[in-house]
């Protein structure tokens, strides 16, 4: 089997997940239900998801020199991910506060990217070989936007297929959209980016139309338990979610989808089949606690698809 080469630009953070019945009010202290510390960050999670799904993954980021950086190295080694790391003095490896609702498994997150916020276009130039030599290049918005734009342009100019996960949603320059072969927002991000509130398949299609008008080639809007809408010129298809066990934690589900989708796409699967592959990976991730730790193996994804 040929393993697709996937290069991902993004951040690593140490996830600190707190489970409780609700978030505290300002000035209030609550007793939580549970706590977990583990590896996270959208780009790193996506890299682990792609690596476990069978891709040859290179992850581009900045880290500090501290125990959280050691955590990053350990999870990448386990998942077969090659980290291409730049670092500088005086900064720290990123961290994230994650509140998980103990009843629903839904989450709210605060991210402090640390050293990764220092990723600059100069770093992208240094990573040219990794970007232009990939089958698929993917990035998000946890590192500076100008660096994401530089990397997407470099990949696109080299004929590399690009995936842009616009998370967390932020004001974006018009130039970014034509650089995206695939854009993969969730409902909230699609709503924020387009001004169309996504509450149904019809409104998701309206938001996707707007993303195509902006210049993206294909919009994949992830809809949580409702699956994914694949929308491009001449095609609009809803791919259902694949969840075969109780939902425990939705944190990282989008990253699981993106990493697995990129892997299948790089293998030459059709967009719809790659979306199904991504949905199977996400459906497994939500049945487990944590983020990077919850990413599915290739065998698990194929088993879910066969059900």
Protein backbone atom coordinates (compact mmCIF):
# COMPACT_ATOMS: atom_id res chain seq x y z
CA UNK A 1 0.00 0.00 0.00
CA UNK A 2 1.21 3.51 -0.82
CA UNK A 3 0.96 5.86 2.14
CA UNK A 4 -0.15 9.38 1.18
CA UNK A 5 2.18 12.19 2.22
CA UNK A 6 0.27 14.72 4.30
CA UNK A 7 1.81 17.89 5.69
CA UNK A 8 -0.08 19.76 8.38
CA UNK A 9 0.66 23.21 9.77
CA UNK A 10 -0.77 23.99 13.18
CA UNK A 11 -0.23 23.97 16.90
CA UNK A 12 0.24 21.50 19.72
CA UNK A 13 -1.24 22.26 23.12
CA UNK A 14 -1.53 20.31 26.32
CA UNK A 15 -5.26 19.78 26.88
CA UNK A 16 -6.52 20.19 30.43
CA UNK A 17 -10.06 18.81 30.41
CA UNK A 18 -12.43 19.50 33.29
CA UNK A 19 -15.75 17.64 33.47
CA UNK A 20 -18.54 19.27 35.48
CA UNK A 21 -22.29 19.81 35.43
CA UNK A 22 -21.77 23.40 34.27
CA UNK A 23 -19.12 26.10 33.99
CA UNK A 24 -18.55 28.31 37.04
CA UNK A 25 -19.69 31.92 37.10
CA UNK A 26 -17.14 34.68 37.64
CA UNK A 27 -16.06 34.55 41.29
CA UNK A 28 -17.52 31.08 41.81
CA UNK A 29 -15.73 27.80 42.57
CA UNK A 30 -17.26 24.46 41.60
CA UNK A 31 -16.26 20.90 42.40
CA UNK A 32 -15.73 19.06 39.13
CA UNK A 33 -16.52 15.48 38.18
CA UNK A 34 -13.22 14.57 36.55
CA UNK A 35 -9.94 15.93 35.16
CA UNK A 36 -7.58 14.74 32.45
CA UNK A 37 -4.32 16.07 31.03
CA UNK A 38 -3.34 15.02 27.53
CA UNK A 39 -2.04 16.05 24.11
CA UNK A 40 -4.16 18.35 21.92
CA UNK A 41 -4.18 21.29 19.51
CA UNK A 42 -6.10 21.10 16.24
CA UNK A 43 -3.12 20.65 13.97
CA UNK A 44 -1.49 18.07 16.22
CA UNK A 45 -4.77 16.20 16.69
CA UNK A 46 -5.30 16.12 12.92
CA UNK A 47 -1.76 14.83 12.46
CA UNK A 48 -2.32 12.02 14.97
CA UNK A 49 -5.66 11.17 13.33
CA UNK A 50 -4.04 11.01 9.89
CA UNK A 51 -1.08 9.01 11.15
CA UNK A 52 -3.26 6.42 12.86
CA UNK A 53 -5.46 6.26 9.75
CA UNK A 54 -2.48 5.27 7.62
CA UNK A 55 -0.84 8.43 6.26
CA UNK A 56 2.81 9.48 6.17
CA UNK A 57 2.43 12.70 8.19
CA UNK A 58 4.72 15.66 8.75
CA UNK A 59 3.58 18.23 11.31
CA UNK A 60 4.94 21.78 11.20
CA UNK A 61 4.85 23.85 14.38
CA UNK A 62 6.72 25.72 17.11
CA UNK A 63 7.13 24.44 20.66
CA UNK A 64 8.73 25.68 23.85
CA UNK A 65 11.31 23.64 25.72
CA UNK A 66 9.29 22.20 28.59
CA UNK A 67 7.42 19.06 29.73
CA UNK A 68 4.49 19.80 27.41
CA UNK A 69 6.90 19.63 24.45
CA UNK A 70 7.95 16.17 25.68
CA UNK A 71 4.27 15.19 25.71
CA UNK A 72 4.00 16.29 22.07
CA UNK A 73 6.98 14.20 21.04
CA UNK A 74 5.58 11.13 22.75
CA UNK A 75 2.17 11.20 21.05
CA UNK A 76 3.69 11.89 17.63
CA UNK A 77 6.09 8.98 18.00
CA UNK A 78 3.21 6.68 18.93
CA UNK A 79 1.15 7.78 15.91
CA UNK A 80 4.05 7.69 13.44
CA UNK A 81 4.02 11.46 12.91
CA UNK A 82 7.22 13.31 12.00
CA UNK A 83 7.41 16.63 13.83
CA UNK A 84 9.34 19.40 12.07
CA UNK A 85 9.77 21.79 14.96
CA UNK A 86 11.16 25.29 15.26
CA UNK A 87 11.67 26.81 18.67
CA UNK A 88 12.90 30.00 20.25
CA UNK A 89 13.88 31.09 23.74
CA UNK A 90 11.45 32.54 26.22
CA UNK A 91 8.17 31.03 25.07
CA UNK A 92 6.11 28.09 26.22
CA UNK A 93 4.39 25.14 24.61
CA UNK A 94 0.68 25.84 24.24
CA UNK A 95 -2.07 24.80 26.63
CA UNK A 96 -5.87 24.62 26.48
CA UNK A 97 -8.64 24.72 29.06
CA UNK A 98 -11.49 22.41 28.04
CA UNK A 99 -14.81 22.36 29.87
CA UNK A 100 -16.79 19.19 29.16
CA UNK A 101 -20.47 19.07 30.11
CA UNK A 102 -20.84 15.89 32.14
CA UNK A 103 -24.35 15.22 30.86
CA UNK A 104 -24.05 15.88 27.11
CA UNK A 105 -20.32 15.59 26.43
CA UNK A 106 -20.38 19.00 24.70
CA UNK A 107 -17.42 21.27 25.26
CA UNK A 108 -16.13 24.85 25.47
CA UNK A 109 -12.44 25.65 25.01
CA UNK A 110 -9.87 28.38 25.70
CA UNK A 111 -6.57 27.97 23.83
CA UNK A 112 -3.24 29.68 24.63
CA UNK A 113 -1.00 28.72 21.65
CA UNK A 114 2.26 29.86 23.26
CA UNK A 115 5.28 29.44 20.98
CA UNK A 116 3.04 28.49 18.04
CA UNK A 117 1.74 32.07 17.88
CA UNK A 118 5.25 32.99 16.74
CA UNK A 119 4.92 30.94 13.54
CA UNK A 120 5.69 33.45 10.78
CA UNK A 121 5.98 33.50 6.97
CA UNK A 122 9.73 33.05 7.45
CA UNK A 123 9.03 29.69 9.05
CA UNK A 124 6.86 28.74 6.10
CA UNK A 125 9.73 29.52 3.73
CA UNK A 126 11.98 27.24 5.79
CA UNK A 127 9.38 24.46 5.49
CA UNK A 128 9.04 24.76 1.70
CA UNK A 129 10.21 21.22 0.97
CA UNK A 130 7.69 19.73 3.40
CA UNK A 131 4.81 21.82 2.02
CA UNK A 132 5.50 21.41 -1.70
CA UNK A 133 6.43 17.72 -1.46
CA UNK A 134 3.11 16.65 0.05
CA UNK A 135 0.10 15.02 -1.59
CA UNK A 136 -2.19 16.97 0.76
CA UNK A 137 -1.50 20.14 2.75
CA UNK A 138 -3.81 21.13 5.62
CA UNK A 139 -3.95 23.98 8.10
CA UNK A 140 -6.28 25.75 10.54
CA UNK A 141 -6.44 29.11 12.38
CA UNK A 142 -4.82 28.50 15.75
CA UNK A 143 -1.52 29.89 14.43
CA UNK A 144 -1.28 33.38 12.81
CA UNK A 145 -3.46 33.87 9.74
CA UNK A 146 -0.68 35.30 7.57
CA UNK A 147 1.30 32.09 8.04
CA UNK A 148 -1.71 29.98 7.04
CA UNK A 149 -2.15 32.10 3.90
CA UNK A 150 1.55 31.82 3.01
CA UNK A 151 1.52 28.05 3.39
CA UNK A 152 -1.72 27.56 1.46
CA UNK A 153 -0.37 29.70 -1.39
CA UNK A 154 2.92 27.79 -1.42
CA UNK A 155 1.07 24.47 -1.56
CA UNK A 156 -1.39 25.60 -4.21
CA UNK A 157 1.38 27.04 -6.42
CA UNK A 158 3.11 23.65 -6.27
CA UNK A 159 -0.04 21.77 -7.29
CA UNK A 160 -0.61 20.28 -3.82
CA UNK A 161 -4.27 19.76 -2.85
CA UNK A 162 -5.20 21.98 0.08
CA UNK A 163 -7.58 21.56 3.02
CA UNK A 164 -8.38 24.58 5.16
CA UNK A 165 -10.12 24.00 8.49
CA UNK A 166 -11.16 27.57 9.48
CA UNK A 167 -11.17 26.92 13.20
CA UNK A 168 -11.53 28.84 15.36
CA UNK A 169 -13.49 31.17 13.10
CA UNK A 170 -11.91 34.60 12.62
CA UNK A 171 -12.09 37.50 10.14
CA UNK A 172 -10.18 36.34 7.07
CA UNK A 173 -8.63 38.04 4.05
CA UNK A 174 -10.42 37.49 0.75
CA UNK A 175 -7.25 36.03 -0.74
CA UNK A 176 -7.43 32.88 1.39
CA UNK A 177 -10.55 31.31 -0.16
CA UNK A 178 -9.28 30.70 -3.72
CA UNK A 179 -6.31 28.87 -2.17
CA UNK A 180 -8.65 26.22 -0.69
CA UNK A 181 -9.50 23.05 -2.56
CA UNK A 182 -11.52 22.03 0.50
CA UNK A 183 -12.80 24.16 3.38
CA UNK A 184 -14.14 22.29 6.43
CA UNK A 185 -15.95 24.49 8.98
CA UNK A 186 -18.40 23.22 11.54
CA UNK A 187 -21.88 24.73 11.93
CA UNK A 188 -20.76 27.56 14.20
CA UNK A 189 -17.74 28.44 12.09
CA UNK A 190 -19.75 28.35 8.86
CA UNK A 191 -22.32 30.67 10.43
CA UNK A 192 -19.67 33.12 11.63
CA UNK A 193 -17.77 33.12 8.34
CA UNK A 194 -20.75 33.52 6.02
CA UNK A 195 -23.41 35.35 8.05
CA UNK A 196 -25.82 32.47 7.32
CA UNK A 197 -26.97 30.82 10.56
CA UNK A 198 -26.62 27.09 10.03
CA UNK A 199 -29.49 25.23 11.71
CA UNK A 200 -30.48 22.71 9.02
CA UNK A 201 -29.29 21.10 5.80
CA UNK A 202 -30.91 23.89 3.78
CA UNK A 203 -29.14 26.63 5.72
CA UNK A 204 -25.90 24.63 5.55
CA UNK A 205 -26.25 24.59 1.77
CA UNK A 206 -26.81 28.35 1.78
CA UNK A 207 -23.66 28.86 3.85
CA UNK A 208 -21.73 26.49 1.60
CA UNK A 209 -22.90 28.44 -1.46
CA UNK A 210 -21.43 31.55 0.12
CA UNK A 211 -18.09 29.81 0.73
CA UNK A 212 -17.99 28.79 -2.92
CA UNK A 213 -18.80 32.38 -3.95
CA UNK A 214 -15.84 33.51 -1.87
CA UNK A 215 -13.60 31.20 -3.90
CA UNK A 216 -13.34 27.82 -2.18
CA UNK A 217 -13.63 24.85 -4.55
CA UNK A 218 -15.50 22.50 -2.19
CA UNK A 219 -17.17 23.15 1.15
CA UNK A 220 -17.57 20.36 3.71
CA UNK A 221 -19.69 21.59 6.60
CA UNK A 222 -19.48 19.28 9.59
CA UNK A 223 -22.83 19.04 11.39
CA UNK A 224 -22.03 17.07 14.54
CA UNK A 225 -24.40 14.16 15.04
CA UNK A 226 -26.04 15.03 11.70
CA UNK A 227 -22.92 14.19 9.69
CA UNK A 228 -21.34 16.27 6.93
CA UNK A 229 -22.62 18.25 3.96
CA UNK A 230 -20.40 17.97 0.87
CA UNK A 231 -21.12 20.93 -1.41
CA UNK A 232 -19.43 21.95 -4.65
CA UNK A 233 -20.33 22.99 -8.15
CA UNK A 234 -22.83 20.44 -9.46
CA UNK A 235 -22.98 18.36 -6.27
CA UNK A 236 -24.54 18.70 -2.83
CA UNK A 237 -24.65 15.49 -0.81
CA UNK A 238 -25.34 14.78 2.85
CA UNK A 239 -23.16 12.08 4.42
CA UNK A 240 -24.67 10.77 7.71
CA UNK A 241 -22.69 10.46 10.92
CA UNK A 242 -21.47 7.00 11.99
CA UNK A 243 -21.73 6.64 15.76
CA UNK A 244 -22.08 3.10 17.09
CA UNK A 245 -21.69 3.70 20.86
CA UNK A 246 -22.74 6.30 23.44
CA UNK A 247 -21.17 9.75 23.04
CA UNK A 248 -18.65 10.48 25.80
CA UNK A 249 -16.74 13.58 24.63
CA UNK A 250 -17.13 15.56 21.40
CA UNK A 251 -13.78 17.35 21.83
CA UNK A 252 -11.56 16.56 18.84
CA UNK A 253 -14.31 15.09 16.65
CA UNK A 254 -13.69 17.66 13.93
CA UNK A 255 -9.96 16.98 14.06
CA UNK A 256 -10.61 13.24 13.75
CA UNK A 257 -12.74 13.92 10.69
CA UNK A 258 -10.19 16.23 9.04
CA UNK A 259 -7.22 13.94 9.60
CA UNK A 260 -8.99 10.85 8.31
CA UNK A 261 -10.58 12.74 5.41
CA UNK A 262 -7.15 14.01 4.33
CA UNK A 263 -5.75 10.48 4.50
CA UNK A 264 -8.48 8.95 2.34
CA UNK A 265 -8.32 11.83 -0.12
CA UNK A 266 -4.56 11.42 -0.40
CA UNK A 267 -5.06 7.72 -1.15
CA UNK A 268 -7.18 8.65 -4.15
CA UNK A 269 -10.63 7.95 -2.69
CA UNK A 270 -13.50 10.02 -4.05
CA UNK A 271 -14.59 13.07 -2.05
CA UNK A 272 -17.73 11.27 -0.87
CA UNK A 273 -15.88 8.11 0.12
CA UNK A 274 -13.22 10.18 1.88
CA UNK A 275 -16.00 12.00 3.74
CA UNK A 276 -17.47 8.69 4.86
CA UNK A 277 -14.02 7.61 6.01
CA UNK A 278 -13.73 10.84 8.01
CA UNK A 279 -17.20 10.39 9.51
CA UNK A 280 -16.28 6.88 10.65
CA UNK A 281 -13.17 8.23 12.40
CA UNK A 282 -15.12 11.04 14.06
CA UNK A 283 -17.82 8.59 15.16
CA UNK A 284 -15.21 6.57 17.01
CA UNK A 285 -13.51 9.60 18.59
CA UNK A 286 -16.67 10.88 20.28
CA UNK A 287 -17.11 7.59 22.14
CA UNK A 288 -13.81 8.15 24.00
CA UNK A 289 -12.45 10.75 26.40
CA UNK A 290 -9.68 13.11 25.34
CA UNK A 291 -8.54 14.45 22.01
CA UNK A 292 -5.40 12.98 20.44
CA UNK A 293 -5.84 9.85 22.57
CA UNK A 294 -9.31 9.28 21.09
CA UNK A 295 -8.20 9.11 17.44
CA UNK A 296 -9.04 5.85 15.69
CA UNK A 297 -6.72 3.32 14.09
CA UNK A 298 -7.06 2.28 10.45
CA UNK A 299 -8.51 -1.07 11.47
CA UNK A 300 -11.12 0.58 13.68
CA UNK A 301 -12.20 2.93 10.88
CA UNK A 302 -12.51 0.12 8.38
CA UNK A 303 -14.52 -1.91 10.88
CA UNK A 304 -16.91 1.02 11.41
CA UNK A 305 -17.34 1.44 7.65
CA UNK A 306 -18.15 -2.26 7.28
CA UNK A 307 -21.02 -2.17 9.80
